[in-house]
N, C-alpha and C. Protein backbone atom coordinates (compact mmCIF):
# COMPACT_ATOMS: atom_id res chain seq x y z
N MET A 1 147.57 94.89 -33.13
CA MET A 1 146.11 95.13 -32.32
C MET A 1 145.38 94.04 -33.00
N GLY A 2 144.95 92.96 -32.41
CA GLY A 2 144.02 91.94 -32.93
C GLY A 2 142.35 92.32 -32.48
N LYS A 3 141.83 91.34 -33.17
CA LYS A 3 140.29 91.70 -32.90
C LYS A 3 139.60 90.59 -32.20
N THR A 4 138.71 90.93 -31.47
CA THR A 4 138.24 89.85 -30.58
C THR A 4 136.50 89.35 -31.21
N VAL A 5 136.62 88.04 -31.47
CA VAL A 5 135.44 87.57 -32.18
C VAL A 5 134.36 86.83 -31.08
N ILE A 6 133.18 87.45 -31.21
CA ILE A 6 132.37 86.94 -30.13
C ILE A 6 130.82 86.32 -31.08
N PHE A 7 130.30 85.61 -30.10
CA PHE A 7 128.88 85.26 -30.89
C PHE A 7 127.57 86.04 -30.65
N TYR A 8 126.92 86.55 -31.69
CA TYR A 8 125.65 86.96 -31.58
C TYR A 8 124.29 86.22 -30.79
N ARG A 9 123.78 86.57 -29.75
CA ARG A 9 122.66 85.84 -29.11
C ARG A 9 121.75 86.65 -29.34
N THR A 10 120.50 85.76 -29.33
CA THR A 10 119.38 86.45 -29.77
C THR A 10 118.64 86.91 -28.45
N ALA A 11 117.54 87.72 -28.63
CA ALA A 11 117.25 88.06 -26.82
C ALA A 11 116.65 86.82 -26.26
N ASP A 12 116.22 85.85 -26.76
CA ASP A 12 115.62 84.44 -26.07
C ASP A 12 116.82 83.61 -25.73
N GLY A 13 118.00 84.22 -25.85
CA GLY A 13 119.57 83.53 -25.45
C GLY A 13 119.82 82.28 -26.78
N GLY A 14 119.08 82.47 -27.65
CA GLY A 14 119.54 81.23 -29.19
C GLY A 14 121.00 81.85 -29.42
N CYS A 15 121.65 80.94 -29.98
CA CYS A 15 122.88 81.36 -30.98
C CYS A 15 123.00 80.68 -31.88
N PRO A 16 122.56 81.56 -33.21
CA PRO A 16 122.55 81.00 -34.66
C PRO A 16 123.75 80.56 -34.92
N VAL A 17 124.96 81.11 -34.90
CA VAL A 17 126.30 80.72 -35.34
C VAL A 17 126.63 79.55 -34.72
N GLN A 18 126.57 79.35 -33.15
CA GLN A 18 126.65 77.89 -32.74
C GLN A 18 126.12 77.00 -33.39
N GLU A 19 124.88 76.97 -33.70
CA GLU A 19 124.10 75.93 -33.98
C GLU A 19 124.63 75.37 -35.56
N PHE A 20 125.00 76.69 -36.38
CA PHE A 20 125.60 76.49 -37.44
C PHE A 20 126.94 75.50 -37.47
N LEU A 21 128.03 76.00 -36.53
CA LEU A 21 129.18 75.61 -36.21
C LEU A 21 129.03 73.84 -35.50
N ASP A 22 128.22 73.59 -34.92
CA ASP A 22 127.81 72.37 -34.47
C ASP A 22 127.16 71.60 -35.36
N SER A 23 126.80 72.09 -36.60
CA SER A 23 126.25 71.20 -37.68
C SER A 23 127.55 70.84 -38.87
N LEU A 24 128.46 71.23 -38.28
CA LEU A 24 129.69 71.12 -39.34
C LEU A 24 130.27 69.72 -38.95
N SER A 25 131.14 68.99 -39.94
CA SER A 25 132.09 68.16 -39.73
C SER A 25 133.14 68.70 -38.78
N SER A 26 134.03 67.99 -38.12
CA SER A 26 134.87 68.29 -37.33
C SER A 26 136.27 68.76 -38.32
N LYS A 27 136.22 68.63 -39.43
CA LYS A 27 137.25 68.82 -40.43
C LYS A 27 137.01 70.41 -40.72
N THR A 28 135.79 70.68 -41.06
CA THR A 28 135.19 71.62 -41.48
C THR A 28 135.35 72.70 -40.53
N ALA A 29 134.84 72.16 -39.21
CA ALA A 29 134.72 73.12 -38.25
C ALA A 29 136.59 73.77 -37.80
N GLN A 30 137.37 72.85 -38.03
CA GLN A 30 138.86 73.18 -37.78
C GLN A 30 139.16 74.11 -38.76
N LYS A 31 138.65 73.92 -40.25
CA LYS A 31 138.89 75.06 -41.04
C LYS A 31 138.19 76.60 -40.66
N VAL A 32 137.36 76.39 -40.53
CA VAL A 32 136.41 77.74 -40.13
C VAL A 32 137.42 77.90 -38.55
N ALA A 33 137.36 77.64 -37.77
CA ALA A 33 138.60 77.92 -36.66
C ALA A 33 139.50 78.75 -37.14
N TRP A 34 140.18 78.05 -37.73
CA TRP A 34 141.49 78.77 -38.60
C TRP A 34 141.38 79.78 -39.31
N VAL A 35 140.19 80.12 -40.29
CA VAL A 35 140.00 81.29 -40.43
C VAL A 35 139.60 82.61 -39.47
N LEU A 36 138.91 82.01 -38.59
CA LEU A 36 138.29 82.96 -37.56
C LEU A 36 139.41 83.49 -36.61
N SER A 37 140.52 82.55 -36.60
CA SER A 37 141.62 83.01 -35.72
C SER A 37 142.63 84.06 -36.65
N LEU A 38 142.71 83.86 -38.12
CA LEU A 38 142.87 85.06 -38.97
C LEU A 38 142.52 86.01 -38.91
N VAL A 39 141.03 86.35 -38.64
CA VAL A 39 140.11 87.48 -38.67
C VAL A 39 140.73 88.23 -37.39
N GLU A 40 140.80 87.05 -36.17
CA GLU A 40 141.36 88.01 -34.92
C GLU A 40 142.49 88.01 -34.97
N ASP A 41 143.40 87.72 -35.30
CA ASP A 41 144.85 88.01 -35.40
C ASP A 41 145.61 89.07 -36.21
N LEU A 42 144.98 88.85 -37.59
CA LEU A 42 145.66 90.11 -38.63
C LEU A 42 144.74 91.36 -38.63
N ASP A 43 145.72 92.49 -38.54
CA ASP A 43 145.01 93.48 -39.04
C ASP A 43 144.40 94.09 -40.36
N VAL A 44 144.94 93.29 -41.35
CA VAL A 44 144.19 93.37 -42.84
C VAL A 44 144.08 91.73 -42.99
N VAL A 45 142.88 91.51 -43.14
CA VAL A 45 142.58 89.82 -43.38
C VAL A 45 142.57 89.60 -45.06
N PRO A 46 143.12 88.77 -45.73
CA PRO A 46 142.62 88.76 -47.01
C PRO A 46 141.66 88.68 -47.43
N SER A 47 140.96 89.31 -48.55
CA SER A 47 139.48 89.31 -48.76
C SER A 47 139.00 87.86 -49.48
N THR A 48 139.92 86.90 -49.68
CA THR A 48 139.70 85.28 -49.79
C THR A 48 138.63 84.89 -48.43
N TYR A 49 139.30 85.46 -47.40
CA TYR A 49 138.44 84.77 -46.16
C TYR A 49 137.60 85.82 -45.46
N PHE A 50 137.74 87.11 -45.62
CA PHE A 50 136.63 88.29 -44.82
C PHE A 50 136.65 89.33 -45.72
N LYS A 51 135.53 89.56 -46.07
CA LYS A 51 134.73 90.64 -47.13
C LYS A 51 133.58 91.33 -46.91
N LYS A 52 133.52 92.53 -46.77
CA LYS A 52 132.60 93.24 -46.48
C LYS A 52 131.53 93.08 -47.80
N LEU A 53 130.34 93.09 -47.55
CA LEU A 53 129.22 92.78 -48.54
C LEU A 53 128.65 94.18 -49.09
N VAL A 54 128.86 93.97 -50.38
CA VAL A 54 128.49 95.70 -51.04
C VAL A 54 126.83 95.68 -50.30
N SER A 55 126.67 97.17 -50.83
CA SER A 55 125.21 97.12 -50.50
C SER A 55 124.38 96.57 -49.36
N THR A 56 125.37 96.70 -48.32
CA THR A 56 124.70 96.16 -46.59
C THR A 56 125.15 97.36 -45.68
N GLU A 57 124.54 97.23 -44.70
CA GLU A 57 124.71 98.13 -43.49
C GLU A 57 125.91 97.51 -42.55
N GLY A 58 126.92 97.29 -43.20
CA GLY A 58 128.00 97.16 -42.15
C GLY A 58 128.15 95.54 -42.11
N ILE A 59 127.34 94.58 -43.03
CA ILE A 59 127.84 93.18 -42.94
C ILE A 59 128.88 92.80 -43.52
N TRP A 60 129.23 91.92 -42.74
CA TRP A 60 130.84 91.41 -43.47
C TRP A 60 130.28 90.07 -43.58
N GLU A 61 131.57 89.02 -44.30
CA GLU A 61 131.27 87.49 -44.26
C GLU A 61 132.59 87.07 -44.25
N CYS A 62 132.88 85.95 -43.19
CA CYS A 62 133.84 85.17 -43.22
C CYS A 62 133.66 84.01 -44.27
N ARG A 63 134.67 83.73 -45.43
CA ARG A 63 134.75 82.95 -46.28
C ARG A 63 135.34 81.66 -46.02
N ILE A 64 134.96 80.56 -46.21
CA ILE A 64 135.70 79.21 -45.90
C ILE A 64 135.42 78.55 -47.15
N GLN A 65 136.43 77.96 -47.41
CA GLN A 65 136.24 77.21 -48.61
C GLN A 65 136.97 75.69 -48.26
N LEU A 66 136.33 74.68 -48.43
CA LEU A 66 136.69 73.21 -48.29
C LEU A 66 136.22 72.21 -49.34
N GLY A 67 137.41 71.69 -49.95
CA GLY A 67 136.90 71.23 -51.01
C GLY A 67 135.86 71.76 -52.14
N SER A 68 135.03 71.22 -52.78
CA SER A 68 134.17 72.26 -53.64
C SER A 68 132.89 72.90 -52.61
N ASN A 69 133.11 72.94 -51.46
CA ASN A 69 131.97 73.26 -50.59
C ASN A 69 132.31 74.60 -49.88
N ALA A 70 131.51 75.77 -50.22
CA ALA A 70 131.75 77.09 -49.52
C ALA A 70 130.77 77.37 -48.34
N TYR A 71 131.68 77.69 -47.23
CA TYR A 71 130.64 78.31 -46.13
C TYR A 71 131.07 79.61 -46.08
N ARG A 72 129.63 80.18 -45.41
CA ARG A 72 129.74 81.96 -45.01
C ARG A 72 129.43 81.87 -43.57
N ILE A 73 129.98 82.84 -42.98
CA ILE A 73 129.14 83.28 -41.44
C ILE A 73 129.27 84.74 -41.69
N PHE A 74 128.36 85.21 -41.60
CA PHE A 74 127.77 86.56 -41.57
C PHE A 74 128.35 87.57 -40.25
N CYS A 75 128.75 88.26 -40.43
CA CYS A 75 129.04 89.29 -39.12
C CYS A 75 129.13 90.91 -39.32
N PHE A 76 129.38 91.42 -38.27
CA PHE A 76 129.47 92.96 -38.17
C PHE A 76 130.66 93.06 -36.99
N PHE A 77 131.18 94.48 -37.16
CA PHE A 77 131.99 95.29 -36.45
C PHE A 77 131.10 95.71 -35.25
N ASP A 78 131.61 95.73 -33.97
CA ASP A 78 131.31 96.27 -32.92
C ASP A 78 132.16 97.28 -32.52
N GLY A 79 132.21 98.63 -32.82
CA GLY A 79 133.64 99.09 -32.54
C GLY A 79 134.58 98.94 -33.50
N ASN A 80 136.12 99.25 -33.24
CA ASN A 80 136.77 98.92 -34.34
C ASN A 80 137.33 97.43 -34.07
N SER A 81 137.19 96.73 -32.92
CA SER A 81 138.02 95.67 -32.46
C SER A 81 137.61 94.50 -32.04
N VAL A 82 135.79 94.54 -32.24
CA VAL A 82 134.87 93.27 -31.72
C VAL A 82 134.30 92.89 -33.15
N VAL A 83 134.27 91.67 -33.63
CA VAL A 83 133.82 91.20 -34.72
C VAL A 83 132.29 90.38 -33.98
N VAL A 84 131.16 90.49 -34.37
CA VAL A 84 129.87 89.66 -33.83
C VAL A 84 129.52 88.95 -34.72
N LEU A 85 129.65 87.47 -34.66
CA LEU A 85 129.22 86.57 -35.51
C LEU A 85 127.76 86.24 -35.48
N THR A 86 127.27 86.37 -36.50
CA THR A 86 125.38 86.56 -36.51
C THR A 86 125.20 84.80 -36.75
N HIS A 87 125.24 84.31 -37.93
CA HIS A 87 124.83 82.96 -38.40
C HIS A 87 125.66 82.49 -39.93
N GLY A 88 125.56 81.29 -40.23
CA GLY A 88 126.39 80.66 -41.00
C GLY A 88 125.25 79.95 -42.05
N LEU A 89 125.99 79.82 -43.11
CA LEU A 89 125.30 78.82 -44.46
C LEU A 89 126.28 77.97 -45.04
N ILE A 90 125.76 77.20 -45.63
CA ILE A 90 126.55 76.69 -46.79
C ILE A 90 126.42 77.06 -48.11
N LYS A 91 127.11 77.63 -48.82
CA LYS A 91 126.53 78.40 -49.98
C LYS A 91 126.56 77.36 -51.22
N LYS A 92 125.29 77.73 -51.87
CA LYS A 92 125.24 76.53 -52.94
C LYS A 92 125.00 77.28 -54.30
N THR A 93 124.67 78.62 -54.09
CA THR A 93 124.95 79.69 -55.56
C THR A 93 126.00 80.70 -55.52
N GLN A 94 125.99 81.26 -56.47
CA GLN A 94 127.13 82.18 -56.77
C GLN A 94 127.01 83.66 -55.83
N LYS A 95 125.68 83.60 -55.96
CA LYS A 95 125.27 85.02 -55.17
C LYS A 95 124.68 84.76 -53.58
N THR A 96 125.29 85.37 -52.72
CA THR A 96 124.71 85.09 -51.40
C THR A 96 123.21 85.50 -51.60
N PRO A 97 122.63 84.61 -50.61
CA PRO A 97 121.09 84.81 -50.66
C PRO A 97 120.95 86.40 -49.99
N GLN A 98 119.73 87.01 -50.44
CA GLN A 98 119.55 88.34 -50.25
C GLN A 98 118.90 88.18 -48.63
N ARG A 99 117.84 87.22 -48.48
CA ARG A 99 117.38 86.70 -47.15
C ARG A 99 118.45 86.48 -46.27
N GLU A 100 119.25 86.03 -46.55
CA GLU A 100 120.72 85.84 -45.22
C GLU A 100 121.34 86.87 -45.02
N ILE A 101 121.43 87.85 -45.81
CA ILE A 101 122.01 89.45 -45.37
C ILE A 101 121.08 90.05 -44.73
N GLU A 102 119.71 90.24 -45.25
CA GLU A 102 118.77 90.69 -44.41
C GLU A 102 118.46 90.20 -42.88
N ARG A 103 118.98 88.76 -42.53
CA ARG A 103 118.73 88.19 -41.47
C ARG A 103 119.95 88.82 -40.49
N ALA A 104 121.07 88.98 -41.27
CA ALA A 104 122.27 89.41 -40.46
C ALA A 104 122.07 90.92 -40.29
N GLU A 105 121.62 91.67 -41.09
CA GLU A 105 121.01 92.95 -40.57
C GLU A 105 120.22 93.15 -39.53
N THR A 106 119.21 92.25 -39.71
CA THR A 106 118.35 91.94 -38.68
C THR A 106 119.05 91.81 -37.02
N TYR A 107 119.78 91.06 -37.47
CA TYR A 107 120.55 90.69 -36.04
C TYR A 107 121.49 91.69 -35.46
N ARG A 108 121.83 92.22 -36.64
CA ARG A 108 122.83 93.78 -35.98
C ARG A 108 122.00 94.58 -35.40
N LYS A 109 121.01 95.20 -36.05
CA LYS A 109 120.27 95.92 -35.21
C LYS A 109 119.74 95.54 -34.09
N ASP A 110 119.36 94.74 -33.86
CA ASP A 110 119.03 93.81 -32.45
C ASP A 110 119.92 93.96 -31.53
N TYR A 111 120.94 93.58 -31.79
CA TYR A 111 122.06 93.42 -30.93
C TYR A 111 122.80 94.90 -30.67
N LEU A 112 122.51 95.86 -31.72
CA LEU A 112 123.31 97.26 -31.11
C LEU A 112 122.02 97.76 -30.45
N ARG A 113 120.96 97.72 -30.47
CA ARG A 113 119.46 98.23 -29.83
C ARG A 113 120.01 97.52 -28.10
N ARG A 114 119.95 96.03 -28.03
CA ARG A 114 120.17 95.76 -26.75
C ARG A 114 121.13 96.03 -26.19
N ARG A 115 122.34 96.40 -26.84
CA ARG A 115 124.04 96.79 -26.16
C ARG A 115 123.53 98.26 -25.67
N THR A 116 122.78 99.07 -26.23
CA THR A 116 122.57 100.23 -25.74
C THR A 116 121.97 100.86 -24.48
N LYS A 117 121.27 99.17 -24.50
CA LYS A 117 120.35 99.80 -23.01
C LYS A 117 120.93 99.00 -21.86
N ARG A 118 122.43 98.67 -21.69
CA ARG A 118 122.76 97.92 -21.12
C ARG A 118 123.15 99.31 -19.67
């Protein structure tokens, strides 16, 4: 039983993760697509590629490594089978920047708040 990956959209229709993906080279985008297909297809995704961030409110990161570059796409679960991608970054430091985690948490709250209004 796989998962469905969807993109978070802001209230005004923006799509931060799409903007991030559009900024990547085609080779990097291919690797991202491959990692996302693992997330969709595997029941248990190896933590090399998909990991819950400690001390966060349900925030996970898709981890993509290409050469010496590390890419991260933040996401969260909506129920058990839907993974919502919020935004991405090229990781420059060992530690994931706190403001990026907070941004993902803000997007998650916004998504859940607007989803319940439907």
